[in-house]
Amino acid sequence: MATQDDYREAVKARYEFSAWSGRVKGDPDATRKDVKLPETPVEGWILERVDPIGEGGERVEAVDRYLFRRRETDGRERVMVRLYQYPTVLAAHEGLIDVVMTFMATSLPRCASVGTEAGDVCFGSPGDVQTGTLFARYNVLVQVESIGADVVSVSSLVQAIDALLA
């Protein structure tokens, strides 16, 4: 009988975890603490609310959920950002596995293959429009999703958040 650990190891293999775990593109000793997103991370997008949330597992130091809306669309275009802060890079990478284990899709494409560059490791949604992205930069894991009535690309927000963390 397969266990949760067996499933976790299978997910790690599917996402080639050993090829990127613990690796960063910048200073290997860098960490980010008390990260907060700006009220207007990208022109035209404004913060509706931010909430600290208790999900994320025992390795997580803090999780905040941000809701942004496009200014001119009466709230029909909304994006949710979950920002998970971990004590180490490896903990953030393990956290990425925790999150993808909850998805219904069996695997997600690497961001580079769908035209997005972000973080030290990044996975995006399949399809022509990036409606969701999950990336880790140093010890921070970021999940960005289009959640409004009108589907939107999250790429500009992903790029802005990654620049803030870099």
Protein backbone atom coordinates (compact mmCIF):
# COMPACT_ATOMS: atom_id res chain seq x y z
CA MET A 1 0.00 0.00 0.00
CA ALA A 2 1.38 3.41 -1.01
CA THR A 3 1.94 5.89 1.80
CA GLN A 4 1.95 9.68 1.90
CA ASP A 5 5.76 9.51 1.90
CA ASP A 6 5.68 7.34 -1.23
CA TYR A 7 3.40 9.87 -2.92
CA ARG A 8 5.67 12.75 -1.86
CA GLU A 9 8.72 10.99 -3.32
CA ALA A 10 6.83 10.35 -6.57
CA VAL A 11 5.90 14.06 -6.80
CA LYS A 12 9.51 15.04 -6.13
CA ALA A 13 10.65 12.72 -8.93
CA ARG A 14 8.02 14.10 -11.33
CA TYR A 15 9.13 17.68 -10.63
CA GLU A 16 12.85 16.75 -10.74
CA PHE A 17 13.30 18.05 -7.21
CA SER A 18 16.89 16.83 -6.91
CA ALA A 19 17.91 19.05 -9.86
CA TRP A 20 16.86 22.30 -8.16
CA SER A 21 16.35 21.73 -4.44
CA GLY A 22 18.47 23.97 -2.26
CA ARG A 23 19.85 25.91 -5.24
CA VAL A 24 19.44 29.64 -5.81
CA LYS A 25 20.41 32.00 -8.64
CA GLY A 26 21.94 34.61 -6.33
CA ASP A 27 23.67 34.65 -2.97
CA PRO A 28 23.23 31.17 -1.42
CA ASP A 29 23.19 32.69 2.09
CA ALA A 30 20.52 35.30 1.31
CA THR A 31 17.19 35.14 3.11
CA ARG A 32 14.22 37.45 3.08
CA LYS A 33 12.44 38.38 6.31
CA ASP A 34 9.17 40.18 6.93
CA VAL A 35 8.39 40.45 3.21
CA LYS A 36 5.39 42.64 2.47
CA LEU A 37 3.97 43.39 -0.96
CA PRO A 38 3.24 46.98 -2.00
CA GLU A 39 -0.33 48.24 -2.37
CA THR A 40 0.24 48.75 -6.10
CA PRO A 41 2.77 46.14 -7.24
CA VAL A 42 2.02 46.76 -10.93
CA GLU A 43 0.42 49.79 -12.56
CA GLY A 44 -3.34 49.30 -12.65
CA TRP A 45 -3.47 46.67 -9.89
CA ILE A 46 -4.43 47.66 -6.35
CA LEU A 47 -4.50 45.83 -3.05
CA GLU A 48 -7.98 44.93 -1.78
CA ARG A 49 -6.87 43.19 1.40
CA VAL A 50 -4.12 41.23 3.06
CA ASP A 51 -4.64 38.54 5.68
CA PRO A 52 -2.17 36.50 7.68
CA ILE A 53 -3.23 32.88 7.37
CA GLY A 54 -2.35 29.79 9.35
CA GLU A 55 -1.91 27.29 6.52
CA GLY A 56 1.39 26.04 5.19
CA GLY A 57 2.70 23.43 7.59
CA GLU A 58 5.07 23.40 10.52
CA ARG A 59 8.13 24.59 8.55
CA VAL A 60 6.50 27.90 7.60
CA GLU A 61 7.39 31.03 9.56
CA ALA A 62 4.62 33.22 8.08
CA VAL A 63 1.94 33.08 5.39
CA ASP A 64 0.10 36.11 4.06
CA ARG A 65 -2.72 36.10 1.52
CA TYR A 66 -3.05 39.17 -0.68
CA LEU A 67 -6.04 39.97 -2.89
CA PHE A 68 -5.42 42.40 -5.75
CA ARG A 69 -7.89 43.72 -8.29
CA ARG A 70 -7.44 45.56 -11.53
CA ARG A 71 -8.48 49.13 -10.90
CA GLU A 72 -10.71 49.64 -13.95
CA THR A 73 -12.68 46.36 -14.00
CA ASP A 74 -15.11 46.64 -11.06
CA GLY A 75 -13.41 43.70 -9.40
CA ARG A 76 -14.02 41.21 -12.21
CA GLU A 77 -10.25 40.74 -12.57
CA ARG A 78 -8.76 39.58 -9.30
CA VAL A 79 -5.53 37.86 -8.35
CA MET A 80 -4.69 36.08 -5.12
CA VAL A 81 -1.09 35.88 -3.93
CA ARG A 82 0.02 33.58 -1.13
CA LEU A 83 3.42 34.51 0.25
CA TYR A 84 5.04 31.79 2.39
CA GLN A 85 8.20 32.68 4.34
CA TYR A 86 10.46 29.81 5.43
CA PRO A 87 13.62 29.74 7.53
CA THR A 88 15.74 28.32 4.68
CA VAL A 89 15.87 27.87 0.93
CA LEU A 90 15.49 24.11 1.24
CA ALA A 91 12.43 24.52 3.48
CA ALA A 92 10.85 26.79 0.81
CA HIS A 93 11.58 24.18 -1.85
CA GLU A 94 10.02 21.46 0.30
CA GLY A 95 7.07 23.83 0.74
CA LEU A 96 6.73 24.05 -3.03
CA ILE A 97 6.35 20.27 -3.08
CA ASP A 98 3.75 20.53 -0.29
CA VAL A 99 1.71 22.92 -2.45
CA VAL A 100 1.92 20.99 -5.73
CA MET A 101 0.87 17.84 -3.87
CA THR A 102 -2.51 19.52 -3.30
CA PHE A 103 -3.12 20.29 -6.99
CA MET A 104 -5.38 18.16 -9.15
CA ALA A 105 -3.03 18.47 -12.15
CA THR A 106 -0.49 15.67 -12.14
CA SER A 107 2.28 18.08 -13.11
CA LEU A 108 2.84 21.67 -14.08
CA PRO A 109 5.21 22.96 -16.76
CA ARG A 110 8.40 24.80 -15.84
CA CYS A 111 7.82 28.52 -16.22
CA ALA A 112 10.51 28.94 -18.87
CA SER A 113 8.61 26.54 -21.14
CA VAL A 114 5.51 28.78 -21.00
CA GLY A 115 7.31 32.09 -21.40
CA THR A 116 7.78 33.21 -17.80
CA GLU A 117 10.99 33.64 -15.84
CA ALA A 118 10.72 33.99 -12.08
CA GLY A 119 12.43 32.83 -8.94
CA ASP A 120 15.04 30.17 -8.39
CA VAL A 121 12.52 27.53 -9.41
CA CYS A 122 9.16 28.19 -11.05
CA PHE A 123 6.17 26.25 -12.34
CA GLY A 124 3.24 27.73 -14.24
CA SER A 125 -0.17 26.80 -15.50
CA PRO A 126 -0.53 24.97 -18.78
CA GLY A 127 -2.02 26.92 -21.67
CA ASP A 128 -1.46 30.15 -23.52
CA VAL A 129 -2.43 32.44 -20.63
CA GLN A 130 -0.55 32.12 -17.35
CA THR A 131 -3.43 32.05 -14.87
CA GLY A 132 -1.30 30.58 -12.11
CA THR A 133 2.35 30.51 -11.13
CA LEU A 134 4.21 28.96 -8.21
CA PHE A 135 7.81 29.98 -7.59
CA ALA A 136 10.44 30.09 -4.89
CA ARG A 137 13.00 32.89 -4.55
CA TYR A 138 15.48 32.30 -1.74
CA ASN A 139 13.46 31.28 1.34
CA VAL A 140 10.12 32.65 0.06
CA LEU A 141 7.50 30.65 -1.81
CA VAL A 142 4.98 32.60 -3.88
CA GLN A 143 1.71 31.28 -5.33
CA VAL A 144 -0.14 33.63 -7.71
CA GLU A 145 -3.58 32.77 -9.12
CA SER A 146 -6.21 34.49 -11.22
CA ILE A 147 -9.41 34.15 -9.16
CA GLY A 148 -11.78 36.74 -10.63
CA ALA A 149 -14.83 36.30 -12.80
CA ASP A 150 -12.66 37.31 -15.78
CA VAL A 151 -9.52 35.20 -16.20
CA VAL A 152 -6.30 37.21 -16.45
CA SER A 153 -2.63 36.53 -16.93
CA VAL A 154 -0.67 36.76 -13.69
CA SER A 155 2.68 37.26 -15.44
CA SER A 156 3.10 40.98 -14.70
CA LEU A 157 2.41 40.46 -11.00
CA VAL A 158 4.76 37.46 -10.90
CA GLN A 159 7.53 39.53 -12.45
CA ALA A 160 6.97 42.42 -10.01
CA ILE A 161 6.96 40.16 -6.96
CA ASP A 162 10.05 38.32 -8.12
CA ALA A 163 11.87 41.63 -8.67
CA LEU A 164 10.94 42.68 -5.13
CA LEU A 165 12.37 39.43 -3.71
CA ALA A 166 15.51 39.44 -5.90
